[in-house]
Amino acid sequence: MARSTKHTPVLGITRCHSEKQDKRCANRVLRRKVNILVKQDDAYRHLFKDAGPALADIQDNDWQDTRPHWEYPLLREVSNVYSFGKDGKVYCSNPQPERLRK
């Protein structure tokens, strides 16, 4: 399978080979922010659970969704795709053969 080629000539606009590191960094930031929010929810849960007899009837199941999912950040909110290595992809109608090699 030497010199296998792409069948569809869709190539990145710039010379950057991959956006893998950019995507890793963006997802790392997202996971960190979400984990901080989840830990804050856990801290409030334990605070109110140990508050005394007035809140003793609150069960663990009542605290499962302490924060609605739309309050957590999205990937596009914590990263900027315009700062990534590539500027997108484009279809080449007549590409050079070496650009189609995998």
C-alpha atoms as a PDB file:
ATOM      1  CA  MET A   1       0.000   0.000   0.000  1.00  0.00           C
ATOM      2  CA  ALA A   2       2.843   2.349  -0.747  1.00  0.00           C
ATOM      3  CA  ARG A   3       1.782   5.797  -1.891  1.00  0.00           C
ATOM      4  CA  SER A   4      -1.897   5.389  -1.199  1.00  0.00           C
ATOM      5  CA  THR A   5      -3.865   8.452  -2.278  1.00  0.00           C
ATOM      6  CA  LYS A   6      -6.962  10.341  -1.247  1.00  0.00           C
ATOM      7  CA  HIS A   7      -9.979   9.764  -3.454  1.00  0.00           C
ATOM      8  CA  THR A   8     -11.536  13.168  -2.807  1.00  0.00           C
ATOM      9  CA  PRO A   9      -9.254  16.172  -3.325  1.00  0.00           C
ATOM     10  CA  VAL A  10     -10.320  18.189  -0.264  1.00  0.00           C
ATOM     11  CA  LEU A  11      -7.266  19.970   1.142  1.00  0.00           C
ATOM     12  CA  GLY A  12      -6.536  22.444   3.915  1.00  0.00           C
ATOM     13  CA  ILE A  13      -6.179  26.061   2.853  1.00  0.00           C
ATOM     14  CA  THR A  14      -2.848  26.603   4.655  1.00  0.00           C
ATOM     15  CA  ARG A  15       0.250  24.454   5.004  1.00  0.00           C
ATOM     16  CA  CYS A  16      -0.650  23.303   8.526  1.00  0.00           C
ATOM     17  CA  HIS A  17      -0.984  19.514   8.410  1.00  0.00           C
ATOM     18  CA  SER A  18      -3.298  19.099  11.369  1.00  0.00           C
ATOM     19  CA  GLU A  19      -5.337  21.006  13.927  1.00  0.00           C
ATOM     20  CA  LYS A  20      -5.003  18.180  16.429  1.00  0.00           C
ATOM     21  CA  GLN A  21      -3.011  20.176  19.013  1.00  0.00           C
ATOM     22  CA  ASP A  22      -5.358  23.151  18.710  1.00  0.00           C
ATOM     23  CA  LYS A  23      -8.380  20.934  19.267  1.00  0.00           C
ATOM     24  CA  ARG A  24      -6.698  19.233  22.238  1.00  0.00           C
ATOM     25  CA  CYS A  25      -5.961  22.568  23.901  1.00  0.00           C
ATOM     26  CA  ALA A  26      -9.500  23.854  23.294  1.00  0.00           C
ATOM     27  CA  ASN A  27     -11.083  20.695  24.713  1.00  0.00           C
ATOM     28  CA  ARG A  28      -8.727  20.785  27.700  1.00  0.00           C
ATOM     29  CA  VAL A  29      -9.880  24.331  28.510  1.00  0.00           C
ATOM     30  CA  LEU A  30     -13.527  23.300  28.109  1.00  0.00           C
ATOM     31  CA  ARG A  31     -13.188  20.259  30.364  1.00  0.00           C
ATOM     32  CA  ARG A  32     -11.413  22.350  33.012  1.00  0.00           C
ATOM     33  CA  LYS A  33     -14.170  24.983  33.086  1.00  0.00           C
ATOM     34  CA  VAL A  34     -16.931  22.365  33.242  1.00  0.00           C
ATOM     35  CA  ASN A  35     -15.133  20.471  36.022  1.00  0.00           C
ATOM     36  CA  ILE A  36     -14.848  23.664  38.069  1.00  0.00           C
ATOM     37  CA  LEU A  37     -18.598  24.270  37.732  1.00  0.00           C
ATOM     38  CA  VAL A  38     -19.409  20.667  38.658  1.00  0.00           C
ATOM     39  CA  LYS A  39     -17.211  20.868  41.757  1.00  0.00           C
ATOM     40  CA  GLN A  40     -18.920  24.111  42.765  1.00  0.00           C
ATOM     41  CA  ASP A  41     -22.281  22.335  42.509  1.00  0.00           C
ATOM     42  CA  ASP A  42     -20.963  19.502  44.690  1.00  0.00           C
ATOM     43  CA  ALA A  43     -19.724  22.000  47.285  1.00  0.00           C
ATOM     44  CA  TYR A  44     -23.154  23.659  47.466  1.00  0.00           C
ATOM     45  CA  ARG A  45     -24.856  20.288  47.685  1.00  0.00           C
ATOM     46  CA  HIS A  46     -22.822  19.259  50.727  1.00  0.00           C
ATOM     47  CA  LEU A  47     -23.260  22.699  52.298  1.00  0.00           C
ATOM     48  CA  PHE A  48     -27.047  22.514  52.170  1.00  0.00           C
ATOM     49  CA  LYS A  49     -27.171  18.817  53.024  1.00  0.00           C
ATOM     50  CA  ASP A  50     -25.371  19.457  56.325  1.00  0.00           C
ATOM     51  CA  ALA A  51     -27.432  22.589  57.084  1.00  0.00           C
ATOM     52  CA  GLY A  52     -29.658  20.926  59.628  1.00  0.00           C
ATOM     53  CA  PRO A  53     -33.182  19.611  60.084  1.00  0.00           C
ATOM     54  CA  ALA A  54     -34.784  22.345  57.974  1.00  0.00           C
ATOM     55  CA  LEU A  55     -33.194  20.905  54.834  1.00  0.00           C
ATOM     56  CA  ALA A  56     -32.874  17.309  55.996  1.00  0.00           C
ATOM     57  CA  ASP A  57     -35.696  16.105  53.740  1.00  0.00           C
ATOM     58  CA  ILE A  58     -33.708  16.908  50.581  1.00  0.00           C
ATOM     59  CA  GLN A  59     -32.653  13.670  48.936  1.00  0.00           C
ATOM     60  CA  ASP A  60     -29.588  13.070  46.759  1.00  0.00           C
ATOM     61  CA  ASN A  61     -31.865  12.596  43.753  1.00  0.00           C
ATOM     62  CA  ASP A  62     -33.125  16.175  44.143  1.00  0.00           C
ATOM     63  CA  TRP A  63     -29.589  17.453  43.575  1.00  0.00           C
ATOM     64  CA  GLN A  64     -28.804  15.541  40.379  1.00  0.00           C
ATOM     65  CA  ASP A  65     -29.489  18.498  38.114  1.00  0.00           C
ATOM     66  CA  THR A  66     -28.396  21.423  40.238  1.00  0.00           C
ATOM     67  CA  ARG A  67     -27.265  23.379  37.185  1.00  0.00           C
ATOM     68  CA  PRO A  68     -29.117  23.188  33.857  1.00  0.00           C
ATOM     69  CA  HIS A  69     -27.020  21.946  30.960  1.00  0.00           C
ATOM     70  CA  TRP A  70     -27.304  25.254  29.120  1.00  0.00           C
ATOM     71  CA  GLU A  71     -25.349  27.004  31.891  1.00  0.00           C
ATOM     72  CA  TYR A  72     -22.219  24.987  31.093  1.00  0.00           C
ATOM     73  CA  PRO A  73     -19.926  26.518  28.467  1.00  0.00           C
ATOM     74  CA  LEU A  74     -19.788  25.194  24.917  1.00  0.00           C
ATOM     75  CA  LEU A  75     -16.612  24.504  22.976  1.00  0.00           C
ATOM     76  CA  ARG A  76     -17.136  27.470  20.669  1.00  0.00           C
ATOM     77  CA  GLU A  77     -17.535  29.743  23.716  1.00  0.00           C
ATOM     78  CA  VAL A  78     -14.131  28.899  25.205  1.00  0.00           C
ATOM     79  CA  SER A  79     -12.082  28.629  22.004  1.00  0.00           C
ATOM     80  CA  ASN A  80     -11.598  30.656  18.857  1.00  0.00           C
ATOM     81  CA  VAL A  81     -11.502  28.584  15.677  1.00  0.00           C
ATOM     82  CA  TYR A  82      -9.931  31.490  13.811  1.00  0.00           C
ATOM     83  CA  SER A  83      -6.765  31.109  15.869  1.00  0.00           C
ATOM     84  CA  PHE A  84      -6.361  27.455  14.837  1.00  0.00           C
ATOM     85  CA  GLY A  85      -3.657  26.403  12.379  1.00  0.00           C
ATOM     86  CA  LYS A  86      -5.861  25.864   9.321  1.00  0.00           C
ATOM     87  CA  ASP A  87      -8.393  28.218   7.838  1.00  0.00           C
ATOM     88  CA  GLY A  88     -10.727  25.482   6.733  1.00  0.00           C
ATOM     89  CA  LYS A  89     -10.761  23.134   3.764  1.00  0.00           C
ATOM     90  CA  VAL A  90     -11.509  23.573   0.109  1.00  0.00           C
ATOM     91  CA  TYR A  91     -12.155  21.291  -2.863  1.00  0.00           C
ATOM     92  CA  CYS A  92      -9.345  21.307  -5.452  1.00  0.00           C
ATOM     93  CA  SER A  93     -10.462  20.510  -8.967  1.00  0.00           C
ATOM     94  CA  ASN A  94      -6.962  19.823 -10.316  1.00  0.00           C
ATOM     95  CA  PRO A  95      -4.602  19.049  -7.387  1.00  0.00           C
ATOM     96  CA  GLN A  96      -0.957  18.093  -7.637  1.00  0.00           C
ATOM     97  CA  PRO A  97      -0.475  14.309  -7.219  1.00  0.00           C
ATOM     98  CA  GLU A  98       1.866  14.675  -4.225  1.00  0.00           C
ATOM     99  CA  ARG A  99      -0.804  16.685  -2.373  1.00  0.00           C
ATOM    100  CA  LEU A 100      -3.158  13.688  -2.579  1.00  0.00           C
ATOM    101  CA  ARG A 101      -0.751  11.239  -0.948  1.00  0.00           C
ATOM    102  CA  LYS A 102      -1.614  10.138   2.550  1.00  0.00           C
END
